[in-house]
Amino acid sequence: MIEMVQRESAQINLRIDPELKEAAEQAALADRRSLSALIKKLLTDHCEAEGFLGERRERKPSKPRRGGRQARTP
């Protein structure tokens, strides 16, 4: 018997510009993904590249935010 392990998932609700949503839906369709799957992939790729997730956990210095303040590091 094959056991399937299901991980809990968190839900995110956000508001975006309708034009951005339309563009994202087209991008997802072109990539043969659902909009949710595309957003999850983009967030995962970004967090891995910035060292917040996965193998590269060592954070690099953060970029200045608007207003010239540095983001706090944990």
C-alpha atoms as a PDB file:
ATOM      1  CA  MET A   1       0.000   0.000   0.000  1.00  0.00           C
ATOM      2  CA  ILE A   2       1.357   3.420  -0.938  1.00  0.00           C
ATOM      3  CA  GLU A   3       1.046   6.100   1.723  1.00  0.00           C
ATOM      4  CA  MET A   4       0.723   9.680   0.609  1.00  0.00           C
ATOM      5  CA  VAL A   5       2.098  12.263   3.003  1.00  0.00           C
ATOM      6  CA  GLN A   6       0.182  15.493   2.760  1.00  0.00           C
ATOM      7  CA  ARG A   7       1.823  18.617   4.137  1.00  0.00           C
ATOM      8  CA  GLU A   8      -0.268  21.379   5.593  1.00  0.00           C
ATOM      9  CA  SER A   9      -0.466  24.430   3.426  1.00  0.00           C
ATOM     10  CA  ALA A  10      -0.906  28.045   4.419  1.00  0.00           C
ATOM     11  CA  GLN A  11      -3.266  30.340   2.581  1.00  0.00           C
ATOM     12  CA  ILE A  12      -2.341  33.827   1.399  1.00  0.00           C
ATOM     13  CA  ASN A  13      -4.891  36.388   0.292  1.00  0.00           C
ATOM     14  CA  LEU A  14      -3.675  39.438  -1.569  1.00  0.00           C
ATOM     15  CA  ARG A  15      -4.972  42.222  -3.726  1.00  0.00           C
ATOM     16  CA  ILE A  16      -3.257  43.080  -6.990  1.00  0.00           C
ATOM     17  CA  ASP A  17      -3.987  45.323  -9.921  1.00  0.00           C
ATOM     18  CA  PRO A  18      -6.425  43.663 -12.366  1.00  0.00           C
ATOM     19  CA  GLU A  19      -3.968  44.245 -15.214  1.00  0.00           C
ATOM     20  CA  LEU A  20      -1.229  42.398 -13.295  1.00  0.00           C
ATOM     21  CA  LYS A  21      -3.634  39.544 -12.551  1.00  0.00           C
ATOM     22  CA  GLU A  22      -4.515  39.227 -16.245  1.00  0.00           C
ATOM     23  CA  ALA A  23      -0.829  39.238 -17.202  1.00  0.00           C
ATOM     24  CA  ALA A  24      -0.071  36.622 -14.524  1.00  0.00           C
ATOM     25  CA  GLU A  25      -2.919  34.405 -15.743  1.00  0.00           C
ATOM     26  CA  GLN A  26      -1.531  34.601 -19.285  1.00  0.00           C
ATOM     27  CA  ALA A  27       1.979  33.795 -18.027  1.00  0.00           C
ATOM     28  CA  ALA A  28       0.640  30.825 -16.053  1.00  0.00           C
ATOM     29  CA  LEU A  29      -1.261  29.543 -19.072  1.00  0.00           C
ATOM     30  CA  ALA A  30       1.850  29.869 -21.254  1.00  0.00           C
ATOM     31  CA  ASP A  31       3.802  27.895 -18.626  1.00  0.00           C
ATOM     32  CA  ARG A  32       1.011  25.289 -18.355  1.00  0.00           C
ATOM     33  CA  ARG A  33       0.459  26.067 -14.674  1.00  0.00           C
ATOM     34  CA  SER A  34      -2.387  27.347 -12.580  1.00  0.00           C
ATOM     35  CA  LEU A  35      -2.060  30.902 -11.353  1.00  0.00           C
ATOM     36  CA  SER A  36      -1.511  29.585  -7.819  1.00  0.00           C
ATOM     37  CA  ALA A  37       1.229  27.210  -9.009  1.00  0.00           C
ATOM     38  CA  LEU A  38       2.979  30.042 -10.877  1.00  0.00           C
ATOM     39  CA  ILE A  39       2.873  32.332  -7.844  1.00  0.00           C
ATOM     40  CA  LYS A  40       4.187  29.525  -5.604  1.00  0.00           C
ATOM     41  CA  LYS A  41       7.036  28.823  -8.062  1.00  0.00           C
ATOM     42  CA  LEU A  42       8.000  32.500  -8.337  1.00  0.00           C
ATOM     43  CA  LEU A  43       7.986  32.955  -4.548  1.00  0.00           C
ATOM     44  CA  THR A  44       9.970  29.752  -4.022  1.00  0.00           C
ATOM     45  CA  ASP A  45      12.558  30.707  -6.661  1.00  0.00           C
ATOM     46  CA  HIS A  46      12.947  34.193  -5.182  1.00  0.00           C
ATOM     47  CA  CYS A  47      13.239  32.987  -1.576  1.00  0.00           C
ATOM     48  CA  GLU A  48      15.809  30.349  -2.570  1.00  0.00           C
ATOM     49  CA  ALA A  49      17.838  32.855  -4.596  1.00  0.00           C
ATOM     50  CA  GLU A  50      17.839  35.353  -1.711  1.00  0.00           C
ATOM     51  CA  GLY A  51      18.841  32.723   0.837  1.00  0.00           C
ATOM     52  CA  PHE A  52      15.581  32.594   2.786  1.00  0.00           C
ATOM     53  CA  LEU A  53      14.719  29.028   1.777  1.00  0.00           C
ATOM     54  CA  GLY A  54      16.546  25.856   0.854  1.00  0.00           C
ATOM     55  CA  GLU A  55      20.263  25.185   0.678  1.00  0.00           C
ATOM     56  CA  ARG A  56      21.441  28.813   0.646  1.00  0.00           C
ATOM     57  CA  ARG A  57      20.161  29.810   4.088  1.00  0.00           C
ATOM     58  CA  GLU A  58      22.953  32.324   4.761  1.00  0.00           C
ATOM     59  CA  ARG A  59      21.361  35.690   4.076  1.00  0.00           C
ATOM     60  CA  LYS A  60      23.209  38.216   2.057  1.00  0.00           C
ATOM     61  CA  PRO A  61      22.980  41.884   3.105  1.00  0.00           C
ATOM     62  CA  SER A  62      19.571  43.308   2.369  1.00  0.00           C
ATOM     63  CA  LYS A  63      19.032  46.072  -0.122  1.00  0.00           C
ATOM     64  CA  PRO A  64      18.032  49.503   1.208  1.00  0.00           C
ATOM     65  CA  ARG A  65      14.295  50.001   1.418  1.00  0.00           C
ATOM     66  CA  ARG A  66      12.491  53.043   0.174  1.00  0.00           C
ATOM     67  CA  GLY A  67      13.371  55.893   2.478  1.00  0.00           C
ATOM     68  CA  GLY A  68      16.983  54.696   2.735  1.00  0.00           C
ATOM     69  CA  ARG A  69      16.529  52.408   5.758  1.00  0.00           C
ATOM     70  CA  GLN A  70      18.105  48.972   5.832  1.00  0.00           C
ATOM     71  CA  ALA A  71      15.846  45.985   6.465  1.00  0.00           C
ATOM     72  CA  ARG A  72      16.451  44.384   9.835  1.00  0.00           C
ATOM     73  CA  THR A  73      18.220  41.027   9.844  1.00  0.00           C
ATOM     74  CA  PRO A  74      17.014  38.361  12.249  1.00  0.00           C
END
